[in-house]
């Protein structure tokens, strides 16, 4: 059974940090581009960061560039999102996405709330 399971979300104060993890099972992420999206209620899902299968291409949304870092460990079948200098506007549900040709998988999401 193919699964992506996100973890690491929670409540953090502005300026704080969180590290999200996305563990894959039922398939190997090594040949997949991996992405993190986020969504606030009633808004479109927004691409936050993406990393190619070999890790040679990385891209960030302008709003998180310089604060967030995406990485992957293909041996652990896991992708990460290190989030620093968090702001209230980073509050959202964060989703992990795996994509290879027509194969697309989504996780269930993890809530990140940035508030004092």
N, C-alpha and C. Protein backbone atom coordinates (compact mmCIF):
# COMPACT_ATOMS: atom_id res chain seq x y z
N UNK A 1 0.85 -1.20 0.00
CA UNK A 1 0.00 0.00 0.00
C UNK A 1 0.88 1.25 0.00
N UNK A 2 0.63 2.12 -0.97
CA UNK A 2 1.42 3.35 -1.08
C UNK A 2 0.95 4.36 -0.04
N UNK A 3 1.90 4.90 0.70
CA UNK A 3 1.58 5.90 1.71
C UNK A 3 2.67 6.93 1.82
N UNK A 4 2.26 8.17 2.08
CA UNK A 4 3.15 9.24 2.51
C UNK A 4 2.60 9.74 3.85
N UNK A 5 3.44 9.72 4.86
CA UNK A 5 2.99 10.12 6.19
C UNK A 5 3.85 11.28 6.68
N UNK A 6 3.20 12.43 6.85
CA UNK A 6 3.90 13.62 7.35
C UNK A 6 3.87 13.63 8.87
N UNK A 7 4.90 14.21 9.45
CA UNK A 7 4.96 14.39 10.90
C UNK A 7 5.82 15.61 11.20
N UNK A 8 5.76 16.06 12.46
CA UNK A 8 6.61 17.17 12.87
C UNK A 8 5.89 18.51 12.98
N UNK A 9 4.63 18.54 12.60
CA UNK A 9 3.89 19.79 12.72
C UNK A 9 3.56 20.10 14.17
N UNK A 10 3.01 21.28 14.41
CA UNK A 10 2.63 21.67 15.75
C UNK A 10 2.50 23.16 15.89
N UNK A 11 2.47 23.59 17.14
CA UNK A 11 2.35 25.01 17.47
C UNK A 11 3.73 25.56 17.83
N UNK A 12 4.09 26.66 17.22
CA UNK A 12 5.40 27.28 17.48
C UNK A 12 5.24 28.79 17.51
N UNK A 13 6.07 29.46 18.29
CA UNK A 13 6.02 30.92 18.35
C UNK A 13 6.69 31.53 17.14
N UNK A 14 6.31 32.74 16.79
CA UNK A 14 7.00 33.43 15.68
C UNK A 14 8.50 33.48 15.94
N UNK A 15 9.25 33.23 14.87
CA UNK A 15 10.71 33.16 14.99
C UNK A 15 11.24 31.79 15.29
N UNK A 16 10.36 30.87 15.63
CA UNK A 16 10.78 29.51 15.97
C UNK A 16 11.02 28.63 14.76
N UNK A 17 11.32 27.37 15.04
CA UNK A 17 11.65 26.41 13.98
C UNK A 17 10.86 25.12 14.16
N UNK A 18 10.62 24.48 13.05
CA UNK A 18 10.05 23.14 13.04
C UNK A 18 10.71 22.35 11.91
N UNK A 19 10.76 21.05 12.08
CA UNK A 19 11.25 20.17 11.02
C UNK A 19 10.17 19.16 10.68
N UNK A 20 9.67 19.24 9.48
CA UNK A 20 8.67 18.29 9.01
C UNK A 20 9.37 17.10 8.35
N UNK A 21 8.79 15.94 8.53
CA UNK A 21 9.27 14.73 7.87
C UNK A 21 8.13 14.12 7.06
N UNK A 22 8.49 13.47 5.98
CA UNK A 22 7.52 12.76 5.16
C UNK A 22 8.11 11.39 4.86
N UNK A 23 7.55 10.37 5.48
CA UNK A 23 8.03 9.01 5.30
C UNK A 23 7.17 8.28 4.28
N UNK A 24 7.83 7.70 3.29
CA UNK A 24 7.11 6.97 2.25
C UNK A 24 7.16 5.47 2.51
N UNK A 25 6.09 4.80 2.14
CA UNK A 25 6.06 3.34 2.20
C UNK A 25 5.28 2.83 1.00
N UNK A 26 5.60 1.61 0.60
CA UNK A 26 4.91 1.01 -0.54
C UNK A 26 5.53 1.37 -1.88
N UNK A 27 6.50 2.26 -1.88
CA UNK A 27 7.23 2.61 -3.09
C UNK A 27 8.55 3.27 -2.66
N UNK A 28 9.46 3.40 -3.61
CA UNK A 28 10.76 3.99 -3.33
C UNK A 28 10.81 5.40 -3.90
N UNK A 29 11.15 6.37 -3.05
CA UNK A 29 11.13 7.76 -3.50
C UNK A 29 12.32 8.11 -4.39
N UNK A 30 13.29 7.22 -4.52
CA UNK A 30 14.55 7.57 -5.19
C UNK A 30 14.34 8.08 -6.62
N UNK A 31 13.29 7.65 -7.30
CA UNK A 31 13.04 8.09 -8.67
C UNK A 31 11.95 9.13 -8.77
N UNK A 32 11.52 9.65 -7.62
CA UNK A 32 10.43 10.62 -7.59
C UNK A 32 10.94 12.01 -7.23
N UNK A 33 10.39 13.01 -7.89
CA UNK A 33 10.53 14.38 -7.41
C UNK A 33 9.64 14.49 -6.17
N UNK A 34 10.14 15.18 -5.17
CA UNK A 34 9.39 15.32 -3.92
C UNK A 34 9.11 16.79 -3.67
N UNK A 35 7.92 17.06 -3.21
CA UNK A 35 7.50 18.45 -3.03
C UNK A 35 6.76 18.61 -1.70
N UNK A 36 6.83 19.81 -1.17
CA UNK A 36 6.01 20.21 -0.04
C UNK A 36 5.07 21.32 -0.50
N UNK A 37 3.80 21.15 -0.18
CA UNK A 37 2.78 22.15 -0.43
C UNK A 37 2.19 22.57 0.91
N UNK A 38 1.49 23.69 0.89
CA UNK A 38 0.73 24.08 2.07
C UNK A 38 -0.59 24.68 1.62
N UNK A 39 -1.56 24.60 2.53
CA UNK A 39 -2.89 25.10 2.21
C UNK A 39 -3.54 25.69 3.44
N UNK A 40 -4.11 26.88 3.24
CA UNK A 40 -4.93 27.52 4.24
C UNK A 40 -6.37 27.37 3.77
N UNK A 41 -7.28 27.21 4.71
CA UNK A 41 -8.68 26.97 4.38
C UNK A 41 -9.18 27.95 3.32
N UNK A 42 -9.87 27.42 2.32
CA UNK A 42 -10.52 28.19 1.26
C UNK A 42 -9.53 28.87 0.32
N UNK A 43 -8.26 28.53 0.44
CA UNK A 43 -7.27 29.04 -0.50
C UNK A 43 -6.68 27.89 -1.29
N UNK A 44 -6.05 28.21 -2.42
CA UNK A 44 -5.42 27.18 -3.23
C UNK A 44 -4.20 26.61 -2.54
N UNK A 45 -3.94 25.35 -2.84
CA UNK A 45 -2.74 24.72 -2.30
C UNK A 45 -1.52 25.37 -2.97
N UNK A 46 -0.53 25.71 -2.16
CA UNK A 46 0.63 26.47 -2.63
C UNK A 46 1.89 25.61 -2.57
N UNK A 47 2.66 25.61 -3.65
CA UNK A 47 3.94 24.90 -3.65
C UNK A 47 4.93 25.66 -2.78
N UNK A 48 5.51 24.99 -1.82
CA UNK A 48 6.46 25.60 -0.90
C UNK A 48 7.89 25.31 -1.32
N UNK A 49 8.17 24.04 -1.60
CA UNK A 49 9.53 23.64 -1.95
C UNK A 49 9.48 22.34 -2.73
N UNK A 50 10.49 22.13 -3.56
CA UNK A 50 10.57 20.90 -4.34
C UNK A 50 12.03 20.51 -4.53
N UNK A 51 12.23 19.21 -4.68
CA UNK A 51 13.58 18.68 -4.86
C UNK A 51 13.49 17.54 -5.87
N UNK A 52 14.43 17.52 -6.81
CA UNK A 52 14.43 16.48 -7.83
C UNK A 52 14.86 15.15 -7.24
N UNK A 53 14.72 14.09 -8.02
CA UNK A 53 14.98 12.75 -7.50
C UNK A 53 16.41 12.60 -7.00
N UNK A 54 17.36 13.19 -7.71
CA UNK A 54 18.77 13.09 -7.30
C UNK A 54 19.19 14.22 -6.39
N UNK A 55 18.28 15.16 -6.16
CA UNK A 55 18.61 16.28 -5.30
C UNK A 55 19.38 17.39 -5.98
N UNK A 56 19.52 17.32 -7.30
CA UNK A 56 20.33 18.31 -8.01
C UNK A 56 19.56 19.58 -8.33
N UNK A 57 18.24 19.52 -8.27
CA UNK A 57 17.41 20.70 -8.51
C UNK A 57 16.54 20.92 -7.28
N UNK A 58 16.61 22.15 -6.76
CA UNK A 58 15.80 22.54 -5.60
C UNK A 58 15.19 23.90 -5.90
N UNK A 59 13.94 24.03 -5.52
CA UNK A 59 13.23 25.29 -5.79
C UNK A 59 12.36 25.63 -4.58
N UNK A 60 12.27 26.93 -4.29
CA UNK A 60 11.47 27.40 -3.17
C UNK A 60 10.51 28.49 -3.62
N UNK A 61 9.39 28.56 -2.94
CA UNK A 61 8.52 29.72 -3.12
C UNK A 61 9.24 30.95 -2.59
N UNK A 62 8.98 32.09 -3.21
CA UNK A 62 9.64 33.33 -2.78
C UNK A 62 9.38 33.61 -1.31
N UNK A 63 8.20 33.26 -0.84
CA UNK A 63 7.82 33.59 0.54
C UNK A 63 8.61 32.81 1.59
N UNK A 64 9.25 31.73 1.20
CA UNK A 64 9.99 30.91 2.18
C UNK A 64 11.48 30.83 1.87
N UNK A 65 11.88 31.35 0.73
CA UNK A 65 13.29 31.27 0.31
C UNK A 65 14.18 31.92 1.34
N UNK A 66 15.21 31.19 1.76
CA UNK A 66 16.13 31.68 2.77
C UNK A 66 15.75 31.29 4.19
N UNK A 67 14.53 30.79 4.37
CA UNK A 67 14.08 30.38 5.71
C UNK A 67 13.82 28.87 5.79
N UNK A 68 13.38 28.28 4.68
CA UNK A 68 13.06 26.85 4.64
C UNK A 68 14.12 26.11 3.84
N UNK A 69 14.35 24.86 4.22
CA UNK A 69 15.28 24.00 3.50
C UNK A 69 14.66 22.63 3.29
N UNK A 70 14.59 22.20 2.04
CA UNK A 70 14.09 20.87 1.72
C UNK A 70 15.28 19.95 1.52
N UNK A 71 15.14 18.71 1.98
CA UNK A 71 16.20 17.72 1.79
C UNK A 71 15.55 16.34 1.70
N UNK A 72 16.34 15.40 1.25
CA UNK A 72 15.81 14.04 1.12
C UNK A 72 16.88 13.02 1.50
N UNK A 73 16.43 11.90 2.03
CA UNK A 73 17.29 10.78 2.34
C UNK A 73 16.67 9.57 1.66
N UNK A 74 17.17 9.24 0.49
CA UNK A 74 16.57 8.15 -0.28
C UNK A 74 16.74 6.80 0.41
N UNK A 75 17.79 6.65 1.19
CA UNK A 75 17.98 5.39 1.91
C UNK A 75 16.93 5.20 2.99
N UNK A 76 16.52 6.31 3.60
CA UNK A 76 15.47 6.24 4.62
C UNK A 76 14.08 6.42 4.02
N UNK A 77 14.04 6.66 2.70
CA UNK A 77 12.76 6.85 2.01
C UNK A 77 11.96 8.00 2.62
N UNK A 78 12.67 9.08 2.94
CA UNK A 78 12.07 10.19 3.67
C UNK A 78 12.54 11.52 3.10
N UNK A 79 11.62 12.48 3.10
CA UNK A 79 11.96 13.84 2.71
C UNK A 79 11.65 14.76 3.89
N UNK A 80 12.40 15.85 3.99
CA UNK A 80 12.30 16.74 5.13
C UNK A 80 12.05 18.17 4.68
N UNK A 81 11.48 18.95 5.60
CA UNK A 81 11.38 20.39 5.39
C UNK A 81 11.76 21.06 6.70
N UNK A 82 12.94 21.66 6.71
CA UNK A 82 13.39 22.43 7.87
C UNK A 82 12.87 23.85 7.72
N UNK A 83 12.12 24.30 8.70
CA UNK A 83 11.48 25.61 8.64
C UNK A 83 12.01 26.47 9.78
N UNK A 84 12.70 27.53 9.45
CA UNK A 84 13.26 28.46 10.43
C UNK A 84 12.61 29.82 10.30
N UNK A 85 12.79 30.64 11.32
CA UNK A 85 12.25 32.01 11.32
C UNK A 85 10.78 32.01 10.92
N UNK A 86 10.03 31.15 11.55
CA UNK A 86 8.62 31.00 11.17
C UNK A 86 7.82 32.26 11.49
N UNK A 87 6.84 32.51 10.64
CA UNK A 87 5.98 33.68 10.74
C UNK A 87 4.52 33.24 10.85
N UNK A 88 3.67 34.07 11.39
CA UNK A 88 2.25 33.70 11.46
C UNK A 88 1.66 33.33 10.10
N UNK A 89 2.14 33.96 9.05
CA UNK A 89 1.60 33.66 7.72
C UNK A 89 2.06 32.30 7.19
N UNK A 90 2.95 31.62 7.90
CA UNK A 90 3.33 30.25 7.53
C UNK A 90 2.32 29.23 8.06
N UNK A 91 1.39 29.69 8.87
CA UNK A 91 0.36 28.80 9.40
C UNK A 91 -0.45 28.17 8.27
N UNK A 92 -0.49 26.84 8.25
CA UNK A 92 -1.18 26.11 7.19
C UNK A 92 -1.10 24.62 7.47
N UNK A 93 -1.81 23.86 6.67
CA UNK A 93 -1.60 22.41 6.64
C UNK A 93 -0.55 22.14 5.56
N UNK A 94 0.48 21.41 5.92
CA UNK A 94 1.58 21.12 5.01
C UNK A 94 1.44 19.69 4.50
N UNK A 95 1.52 19.57 3.17
CA UNK A 95 1.35 18.29 2.51
C UNK A 95 2.62 17.88 1.77
N UNK A 96 2.90 16.62 1.83
CA UNK A 96 4.00 16.02 1.08
C UNK A 96 3.45 15.45 -0.23
N UNK A 97 4.24 15.57 -1.29
CA UNK A 97 3.82 15.10 -2.61
C UNK A 97 4.98 14.41 -3.30
N UNK A 98 4.68 13.27 -3.91
CA UNK A 98 5.67 12.54 -4.70
C UNK A 98 5.16 12.46 -6.13
N UNK A 99 6.06 12.73 -7.07
CA UNK A 99 5.62 12.80 -8.47
C UNK A 99 6.67 12.18 -9.39
N UNK A 100 6.21 11.25 -10.25
CA UNK A 100 7.06 10.68 -11.29
C UNK A 100 6.17 10.34 -12.46
N UNK A 101 6.33 11.06 -13.54
CA UNK A 101 5.50 10.88 -14.75
C UNK A 101 4.04 11.00 -14.34
N UNK A 102 3.24 9.96 -14.53
CA UNK A 102 1.82 10.03 -14.19
C UNK A 102 1.51 9.54 -12.78
N UNK A 103 2.55 9.14 -12.06
CA UNK A 103 2.36 8.66 -10.69
C UNK A 103 2.48 9.85 -9.73
N UNK A 104 1.41 10.10 -9.01
CA UNK A 104 1.37 11.22 -8.07
C UNK A 104 0.75 10.74 -6.76
N UNK A 105 1.45 10.97 -5.66
CA UNK A 105 0.94 10.56 -4.35
C UNK A 105 0.96 11.76 -3.41
N UNK A 106 -0.02 11.77 -2.51
CA UNK A 106 -0.15 12.84 -1.52
C UNK A 106 -0.21 12.24 -0.12
N UNK A 107 0.35 12.96 0.83
CA UNK A 107 0.16 12.62 2.23
C UNK A 107 -1.12 13.23 2.76
N UNK A 108 -1.40 12.96 4.03
CA UNK A 108 -2.65 13.42 4.63
C UNK A 108 -2.51 14.83 5.21
N UNK A 109 -1.30 15.31 5.33
CA UNK A 109 -1.06 16.66 5.82
C UNK A 109 -0.74 16.72 7.30
N UNK A 110 -0.01 17.76 7.67
CA UNK A 110 0.29 18.02 9.08
C UNK A 110 0.11 19.51 9.33
N UNK A 111 -0.54 19.83 10.44
CA UNK A 111 -0.85 21.23 10.75
C UNK A 111 0.35 21.94 11.36
N UNK A 112 0.66 23.10 10.83
CA UNK A 112 1.67 23.99 11.41
C UNK A 112 0.97 25.29 11.79
N UNK A 113 1.09 25.65 13.05
CA UNK A 113 0.49 26.89 13.54
C UNK A 113 1.57 27.75 14.18
N UNK A 114 1.71 28.96 13.67
CA UNK A 114 2.71 29.91 14.19
C UNK A 114 1.95 31.03 14.89
N UNK A 115 2.07 31.06 16.20
CA UNK A 115 1.30 32.03 16.98
C UNK A 115 1.95 32.23 18.34
N UNK A 116 1.82 33.45 18.85
CA UNK A 116 2.31 33.73 20.20
C UNK A 116 1.18 33.57 21.22
